Amino acid sequence: MNNKLFAQIIKFGFVGGTSFVIDAGILFLLTEFCGIHYLLSGAISFTASVIYNYMLSIKWVFDAKKDVNKVQELAVFIGLSVIGLGLNQLLMWLFVDIFHIYYMLSKIIATAIVMVYNFVTRKLFIEK
């Protein structure tokens, strides 16, 4: 692995870690204190973390294409994120409702899986 890729993975890990804190924090607050079902809370929290993640990923993590239409780039990022949200929701439902794993632990497992998807797809579609 070259140094640029290693540095990029470290930055992606930082952005992903802080995105996870936002995601899990909002999920917990909405579920525990507002009484919102964990899947709806998860969709809201995931969306908030994606906005944060987009801003940092484009500015700091990935060497984004300079000549691309930013609206188109955002649309691609959102499209990939919607697929990530679907995968996250499916995994959360599977772990919580089928395997009876506590929703916050399920969030950690689902996030780890979706993080790999996010890195690969963003590297393929966002970076030049």
Protein backbone atom coordinates (compact mmCIF):
# COMPACT_ATOMS: atom_id res chain seq x y z
CA MET A 1 0.00 0.00 0.00
CA ASN A 2 1.40 3.38 -0.93
CA ASN A 3 1.63 6.33 1.46
CA LYS A 4 -1.10 8.35 -0.29
CA LEU A 5 -3.62 5.51 0.00
CA PHE A 6 -2.64 4.88 3.63
CA ALA A 7 -3.10 8.58 4.49
CA GLN A 8 -6.42 8.58 2.68
CA ILE A 9 -7.61 5.55 4.65
CA ILE A 10 -6.58 7.26 7.91
CA LYS A 11 -8.48 10.44 6.94
CA PHE A 12 -11.48 8.37 5.85
CA GLY A 13 -11.35 6.56 9.20
CA PHE A 14 -11.35 9.86 11.08
CA VAL A 15 -14.24 11.26 9.03
CA GLY A 16 -16.08 7.95 9.35
CA GLY A 17 -15.46 7.82 13.09
CA THR A 18 -16.75 11.33 13.69
CA SER A 19 -19.66 10.64 11.32
CA PHE A 20 -20.45 7.57 13.40
CA VAL A 21 -20.50 9.64 16.60
CA ILE A 22 -23.01 11.99 14.96
CA ASP A 23 -25.05 9.09 13.57
CA ALA A 24 -25.10 7.02 16.77
CA GLY A 25 -25.65 10.07 18.98
CA ILE A 26 -28.68 11.26 17.05
CA LEU A 27 -30.00 7.68 16.79
CA PHE A 28 -29.75 7.25 20.56
CA LEU A 29 -31.25 10.65 21.38
CA LEU A 30 -34.20 10.27 19.00
CA THR A 31 -34.90 6.68 20.03
CA GLU A 32 -34.41 6.97 23.79
CA PHE A 33 -35.53 10.52 24.50
CA CYS A 34 -38.01 11.24 21.73
CA GLY A 35 -39.53 7.76 21.51
CA ILE A 36 -39.03 7.50 17.75
CA HIS A 37 -38.77 3.97 16.31
CA TYR A 38 -35.13 2.96 15.82
CA LEU A 39 -35.47 2.57 12.03
CA LEU A 40 -36.89 6.09 11.59
CA SER A 41 -34.33 7.48 14.04
CA GLY A 42 -31.66 5.62 12.08
CA ALA A 43 -32.75 7.16 8.78
CA ILE A 44 -32.67 10.66 10.29
CA SER A 45 -29.31 10.15 12.00
CA PHE A 46 -27.78 8.55 8.91
CA THR A 47 -28.88 11.50 6.77
CA ALA A 48 -27.32 14.01 9.17
CA SER A 49 -24.05 12.10 9.24
CA VAL A 50 -24.00 11.83 5.41
CA ILE A 51 -24.18 15.62 5.04
CA TYR A 52 -21.25 16.04 7.44
CA ASN A 53 -19.39 13.18 5.75
CA TYR A 54 -19.90 14.67 2.27
CA MET A 55 -18.45 18.02 3.25
CA LEU A 56 -15.33 16.52 4.80
CA SER A 57 -14.87 13.79 2.19
CA ILE A 58 -14.91 16.22 -0.72
CA LYS A 59 -12.72 18.83 0.99
CA TRP A 60 -10.24 16.61 2.83
CA VAL A 61 -10.33 12.86 2.12
CA PHE A 62 -10.77 12.27 -1.59
CA ASP A 63 -8.94 14.04 -4.37
CA ALA A 64 -12.23 15.05 -5.95
CA LYS A 65 -12.48 15.81 -9.63
CA LYS A 66 -12.06 19.55 -10.17
CA ASP A 67 -13.80 19.79 -13.53
CA VAL A 68 -16.97 18.00 -12.49
CA ASN A 69 -20.31 19.70 -11.98
CA LYS A 70 -20.67 19.99 -8.18
CA VAL A 71 -24.43 19.39 -8.38
CA GLN A 72 -23.75 16.19 -10.30
CA GLU A 73 -21.04 15.19 -7.80
CA LEU A 74 -23.44 15.78 -4.89
CA ALA A 75 -26.12 13.77 -6.70
CA VAL A 76 -23.73 10.84 -7.12
CA PHE A 77 -22.69 11.12 -3.45
CA ILE A 78 -26.33 11.21 -2.35
CA GLY A 79 -27.20 8.28 -4.64
CA LEU A 80 -24.39 6.20 -3.19
CA SER A 81 -25.44 7.28 0.30
CA VAL A 82 -29.07 6.27 -0.32
CA ILE A 83 -27.84 2.80 -1.24
CA GLY A 84 -25.71 2.88 1.93
CA LEU A 85 -28.77 3.93 3.92
CA GLY A 86 -30.76 1.04 2.45
CA LEU A 87 -27.99 -1.37 3.35
CA ASN A 88 -27.75 0.15 6.83
CA GLN A 89 -31.51 -0.11 7.38
CA LEU A 90 -31.62 -3.70 6.13
CA LEU A 91 -28.76 -4.70 8.41
CA MET A 92 -30.27 -2.88 11.39
CA TRP A 93 -33.61 -4.61 10.87
CA LEU A 94 -31.92 -7.98 10.41
CA PHE A 95 -29.75 -7.64 13.52
CA VAL A 96 -32.44 -6.14 15.77
CA ASP A 97 -35.65 -7.85 14.68
CA ILE A 98 -34.35 -11.18 13.44
CA PHE A 99 -31.24 -11.80 15.56
CA HIS A 100 -32.44 -9.76 18.59
CA ILE A 101 -29.23 -7.77 18.99
CA TYR A 102 -29.45 -4.49 20.93
CA TYR A 103 -30.02 -1.67 18.44
CA MET A 104 -26.91 0.30 19.40
CA LEU A 105 -24.67 -2.77 19.00
CA SER A 106 -26.44 -3.48 15.72
CA LYS A 107 -25.60 0.08 14.65
CA ILE A 108 -21.90 -0.54 15.24
CA ILE A 109 -21.95 -3.75 13.18
CA ALA A 110 -24.00 -2.21 10.37
CA THR A 111 -21.78 0.87 10.30
CA ALA A 112 -18.62 -1.24 9.93
CA ILE A 113 -20.12 -3.04 6.94
CA VAL A 114 -21.49 0.12 5.30
CA MET A 115 -18.17 1.91 5.88
CA VAL A 116 -16.39 -0.54 3.56
CA TYR A 117 -19.09 -0.01 0.91
CA ASN A 118 -18.76 3.78 1.32
CA PHE A 119 -14.99 3.84 0.92
CA VAL A 120 -14.94 1.65 -2.17
CA THR A 121 -17.81 3.39 -3.96
CA ARG A 122 -16.61 6.91 -3.15
CA LYS A 123 -13.10 6.06 -4.26
CA LEU A 124 -14.51 4.75 -7.55
CA PHE A 125 -17.06 7.49 -8.26
CA ILE A 126 -15.83 10.67 -6.52
CA GLU A 127 -12.07 10.58 -6.93
CA LYS A 128 -10.33 11.51 -10.18
